N, C-alpha and C. Protein backbone atom coordinates (compact mmCIF):
# COMPACT_ATOMS: atom_id res chain seq x y z
N MET A 1 -10.91 -69.83 163.87
CA MET A 1 -10.02 -70.82 163.47
C MET A 1 -8.75 -70.52 164.50
N SER A 2 -8.13 -71.78 164.89
CA SER A 2 -7.41 -71.82 165.93
C SER A 2 -5.56 -71.51 165.48
N THR A 3 -5.07 -71.37 166.66
CA THR A 3 -3.59 -70.80 166.21
C THR A 3 -3.17 -71.92 165.03
N THR A 4 -3.37 -73.19 165.67
CA THR A 4 -2.73 -74.31 164.82
C THR A 4 -2.93 -74.30 163.43
N ALA A 5 -4.63 -74.48 163.24
CA ALA A 5 -4.69 -74.14 162.04
C ALA A 5 -4.31 -72.79 161.23
N ASP A 6 -3.86 -71.62 161.55
CA ASP A 6 -3.51 -70.36 161.00
C ASP A 6 -2.05 -71.13 160.76
N GLY A 7 -1.27 -71.55 161.67
CA GLY A 7 0.13 -71.78 161.12
C GLY A 7 0.20 -72.84 160.29
N ASN A 8 -0.81 -73.97 160.12
CA ASN A 8 -0.97 -75.22 159.03
C ASN A 8 -1.37 -73.90 157.55
N GLY A 9 -2.08 -73.50 157.78
CA GLY A 9 -2.49 -72.39 156.68
C GLY A 9 -1.26 -71.43 155.72
N ILE A 10 -0.32 -70.92 157.12
CA ILE A 10 0.39 -70.09 156.55
C ILE A 10 1.66 -71.01 156.03
N ILE A 11 2.01 -72.40 156.72
CA ILE A 11 3.12 -72.96 156.38
C ILE A 11 2.59 -73.67 155.00
N LEU A 12 1.52 -73.85 154.53
CA LEU A 12 0.80 -74.28 153.11
C LEU A 12 1.12 -73.10 152.42
N LEU A 13 0.64 -71.83 152.47
CA LEU A 13 1.25 -70.93 151.37
C LEU A 13 2.42 -70.59 151.29
N ASP A 14 3.15 -70.66 152.31
CA ASP A 14 4.74 -70.62 152.12
C ASP A 14 5.11 -71.36 150.89
N TRP A 15 5.10 -72.62 151.23
CA TRP A 15 5.40 -73.69 150.52
C TRP A 15 5.12 -73.63 149.07
N LEU A 16 3.87 -73.06 148.63
CA LEU A 16 3.21 -72.93 147.27
C LEU A 16 4.11 -71.66 147.02
N ARG A 17 4.76 -70.88 147.26
CA ARG A 17 5.12 -69.54 146.94
C ARG A 17 6.55 -70.04 146.84
N LEU A 18 7.35 -70.94 147.69
CA LEU A 18 8.60 -71.23 147.57
C LEU A 18 8.60 -72.31 146.55
N VAL A 19 7.88 -72.74 145.84
CA VAL A 19 7.96 -73.70 144.71
C VAL A 19 7.55 -72.67 143.38
N GLY A 20 7.63 -71.26 143.53
CA GLY A 20 6.80 -70.70 142.40
C GLY A 20 5.36 -70.51 142.50
N TRP A 21 4.72 -70.69 143.21
CA TRP A 21 3.00 -70.24 142.90
C TRP A 21 2.93 -68.90 143.37
N THR A 22 2.03 -68.38 142.62
CA THR A 22 1.18 -67.00 142.84
C THR A 22 -0.06 -67.52 143.62
N VAL A 23 -0.17 -66.86 144.97
CA VAL A 23 -1.20 -67.20 145.69
C VAL A 23 -2.30 -65.81 145.78
N GLU A 24 -3.66 -65.45 145.56
CA GLU A 24 -4.10 -64.92 145.75
C GLU A 24 -5.67 -65.17 146.44
N ILE A 25 -6.13 -64.85 147.42
CA ILE A 25 -7.04 -64.84 148.48
C ILE A 25 -7.85 -63.71 148.86
N ASP A 26 -9.15 -63.88 148.74
CA ASP A 26 -9.67 -62.91 148.97
C ASP A 26 -11.26 -63.28 149.94
N ARG A 27 -11.73 -62.35 150.67
CA ARG A 27 -12.61 -62.90 151.19
C ARG A 27 -14.28 -61.90 150.77
N GLU A 28 -14.94 -62.90 150.30
CA GLU A 28 -16.39 -62.34 149.53
C GLU A 28 -17.33 -62.63 150.16
N GLY A 29 -18.10 -61.76 151.50
CA GLY A 29 -19.30 -61.96 152.14
C GLY A 29 -18.59 -63.55 153.37
N ASP A 30 -19.45 -64.28 153.59
CA ASP A 30 -19.09 -65.25 154.56
C ASP A 30 -17.71 -66.43 153.66
N ALA A 31 -17.68 -66.58 152.47
CA ALA A 31 -17.02 -67.09 152.01
C ALA A 31 -15.26 -66.62 151.35
N TRP A 32 -14.40 -67.45 151.47
CA TRP A 32 -12.82 -67.23 150.96
C TRP A 32 -12.89 -67.84 149.53
N ILE A 33 -12.58 -66.72 148.86
CA ILE A 33 -12.10 -67.29 147.36
C ILE A 33 -10.76 -67.16 147.21
N GLY A 34 -9.55 -68.26 146.30
CA GLY A 34 -8.50 -68.08 146.08
C GLY A 34 -8.14 -68.74 144.61
N VAL A 35 -7.22 -68.49 144.20
CA VAL A 35 -6.54 -69.10 142.91
C VAL A 35 -4.89 -68.78 143.16
N ALA A 36 -4.39 -69.99 142.91
CA ALA A 36 -2.80 -70.27 142.73
C ALA A 36 -2.49 -70.45 141.12
N ARG A 37 -1.36 -69.89 141.17
CA ARG A 37 -0.96 -69.90 139.42
C ARG A 37 0.63 -70.01 139.28
N HIS A 38 0.77 -71.09 138.56
CA HIS A 38 2.53 -71.03 138.52
C HIS A 38 2.59 -71.00 137.09
N VAL A 39 3.67 -70.32 136.39
CA VAL A 39 3.89 -70.20 135.08
C VAL A 39 5.04 -71.18 135.26
N GLU A 40 5.18 -71.95 134.23
CA GLU A 40 6.03 -73.16 133.87
C GLU A 40 7.02 -72.70 132.84
N ALA A 41 7.97 -73.17 132.72
CA ALA A 41 9.38 -72.70 131.52
C ALA A 41 8.89 -72.60 130.14
N GLU A 42 7.92 -73.44 129.78
CA GLU A 42 7.57 -72.81 128.22
C GLU A 42 6.39 -71.83 128.24
N GLY A 43 6.34 -71.40 129.49
CA GLY A 43 4.98 -70.19 129.13
C GLY A 43 3.88 -70.54 129.76
N ALA A 44 3.34 -72.26 129.43
CA ALA A 44 2.27 -72.13 130.24
C ALA A 44 1.88 -71.78 131.29
N GLU A 45 0.43 -71.55 131.58
CA GLU A 45 0.17 -71.28 133.36
C GLU A 45 -0.75 -72.17 134.06
N ALA A 46 -0.38 -72.83 134.93
CA ALA A 46 -1.18 -73.83 135.50
C ALA A 46 -1.71 -72.99 136.63
N ARG A 47 -3.19 -73.23 136.85
CA ARG A 47 -4.04 -72.37 137.84
C ARG A 47 -4.68 -73.63 138.66
N VAL A 48 -5.11 -73.35 139.73
CA VAL A 48 -6.13 -73.95 140.68
C VAL A 48 -6.88 -73.00 141.62
N GLY A 49 -8.15 -73.00 141.64
CA GLY A 49 -8.95 -72.58 142.23
C GLY A 49 -9.58 -73.00 142.92
N GLY A 50 -10.13 -72.01 144.13
CA GLY A 50 -11.45 -72.80 145.29
C GLY A 50 -12.18 -71.62 146.04
N CYS A 51 -12.77 -72.22 146.54
CA CYS A 51 -13.62 -71.34 147.66
C CYS A 51 -14.17 -72.07 148.89
N ALA A 52 -14.31 -71.45 150.10
CA ALA A 52 -14.41 -72.10 151.20
C ALA A 52 -15.15 -71.47 152.50
N THR A 53 -15.61 -71.62 153.16
CA THR A 53 -16.57 -71.10 154.30
C THR A 53 -14.88 -70.66 155.49
N ALA A 54 -14.19 -71.40 155.46
CA ALA A 54 -13.19 -71.40 156.37
C ALA A 54 -11.44 -71.54 155.62
N LEU A 55 -10.95 -69.83 155.80
CA LEU A 55 -9.70 -70.07 155.31
C LEU A 55 -8.63 -71.29 155.31
N THR A 56 -8.57 -71.49 156.61
CA THR A 56 -7.94 -73.21 156.34
C THR A 56 -8.36 -73.77 155.33
N ARG A 57 -9.64 -74.33 155.12
CA ARG A 57 -9.98 -75.10 154.11
C ARG A 57 -9.92 -75.07 152.92
N LEU A 58 -9.62 -73.30 152.71
CA LEU A 58 -9.53 -72.83 151.34
C LEU A 58 -8.04 -73.31 150.74
N VAL A 59 -7.11 -72.83 151.84
CA VAL A 59 -5.58 -72.93 151.92
C VAL A 59 -5.40 -74.53 151.56
N TRP A 60 -5.94 -75.40 152.18
CA TRP A 60 -5.53 -76.64 151.85
C TRP A 60 -6.35 -77.53 150.44
N ASP A 61 -7.17 -76.91 149.88
CA ASP A 61 -8.02 -77.14 148.67
C ASP A 61 -6.98 -76.62 147.61
N LEU A 62 -6.22 -75.23 147.60
CA LEU A 62 -4.98 -75.00 147.02
C LEU A 62 -4.15 -75.81 146.91
N PHE A 63 -3.78 -76.19 148.01
CA PHE A 63 -2.32 -76.65 148.32
C PHE A 63 -2.79 -78.10 147.39
N ILE A 64 -3.77 -78.85 147.60
CA ILE A 64 -3.64 -80.11 146.92
C ILE A 64 -4.02 -80.11 145.89
N GLY A 65 -4.82 -78.84 145.24
CA GLY A 65 -5.02 -78.75 143.99
C GLY A 65 -3.45 -78.68 143.37
N ALA A 66 -2.70 -77.76 143.84
CA ALA A 66 -1.39 -77.43 143.21
C ALA A 66 -0.33 -79.08 143.09
N VAL A 67 -0.62 -79.80 143.90
CA VAL A 67 0.34 -81.00 143.96
C VAL A 67 -0.25 -81.59 142.81
N GLU A 68 -1.83 -81.89 142.76
CA GLU A 68 -2.08 -82.85 141.87
C GLU A 68 -1.95 -81.98 140.54
N ARG A 69 -1.73 -81.01 140.31
CA ARG A 69 -1.20 -80.34 139.14
C ARG A 69 0.07 -80.91 138.70
N LEU A 70 0.75 -81.18 140.01
CA LEU A 70 2.59 -81.10 139.72
C LEU A 70 2.53 -82.53 139.44
N GLU A 71 2.00 -83.61 139.88
CA GLU A 71 1.65 -84.77 139.82
C GLU A 71 2.00 -85.54 138.39
N GLY A 72 1.18 -84.79 137.66
CA GLY A 72 0.83 -85.09 135.87
C GLY A 72 1.75 -84.40 135.37
N ARG A 73 2.92 -83.38 135.93
CA ARG A 73 3.98 -82.74 135.23
C ARG A 73 5.33 -83.69 134.93
N ASP A 74 6.15 -83.00 134.04
CA ASP A 74 7.33 -83.62 134.19
C ASP A 74 8.45 -83.77 135.18
N GLU A 75 9.14 -84.76 135.52
CA GLU A 75 10.46 -84.75 136.41
C GLU A 75 10.88 -83.41 136.99
N ALA A 76 11.16 -82.82 135.83
CA ALA A 76 11.75 -81.35 136.41
C ALA A 76 10.86 -80.69 137.43
N LEU A 77 9.87 -80.62 137.33
CA LEU A 77 8.66 -79.80 138.25
C LEU A 77 8.56 -80.75 139.79
N ARG A 78 8.65 -81.80 139.43
CA ARG A 78 8.66 -82.78 140.62
C ARG A 78 9.67 -82.52 141.44
N ALA A 79 10.81 -82.50 140.89
CA ALA A 79 12.37 -82.66 141.29
C ALA A 79 12.35 -81.09 142.06
N THR A 80 11.76 -79.88 141.48
CA THR A 80 11.53 -78.79 142.45
C THR A 80 10.98 -78.77 143.55
N LEU A 81 10.01 -79.70 143.62
CA LEU A 81 8.80 -79.93 144.65
C LEU A 81 10.10 -80.65 145.52
N ARG A 82 10.10 -81.47 145.37
CA ARG A 82 11.11 -82.30 146.52
C ARG A 82 12.57 -81.80 147.32
N ALA A 83 12.89 -81.04 146.02
CA ALA A 83 13.94 -79.84 146.83
C ALA A 83 13.29 -79.26 147.61
N ALA A 84 12.08 -78.59 147.80
CA ALA A 84 11.92 -77.45 149.12
C ALA A 84 11.68 -77.81 149.85
């Protein structure tokens, strides 16, 4: 993985954490496994997961999954996303 790719992954993970997502990533053999969770105000938990052979690919998949989950949520959650 290049330095640019590493930096992009770190930025995306930082963004997810900034808007309240908890991210866990582990390595299993040749694959990276990850899950991102977000507990909403009413207590429901949004969850996205993925696996990939490259860490950067996994981080992008988690990021895209989180954004897609937020797109379907109420305006308050989207406002949090915009404010970050």
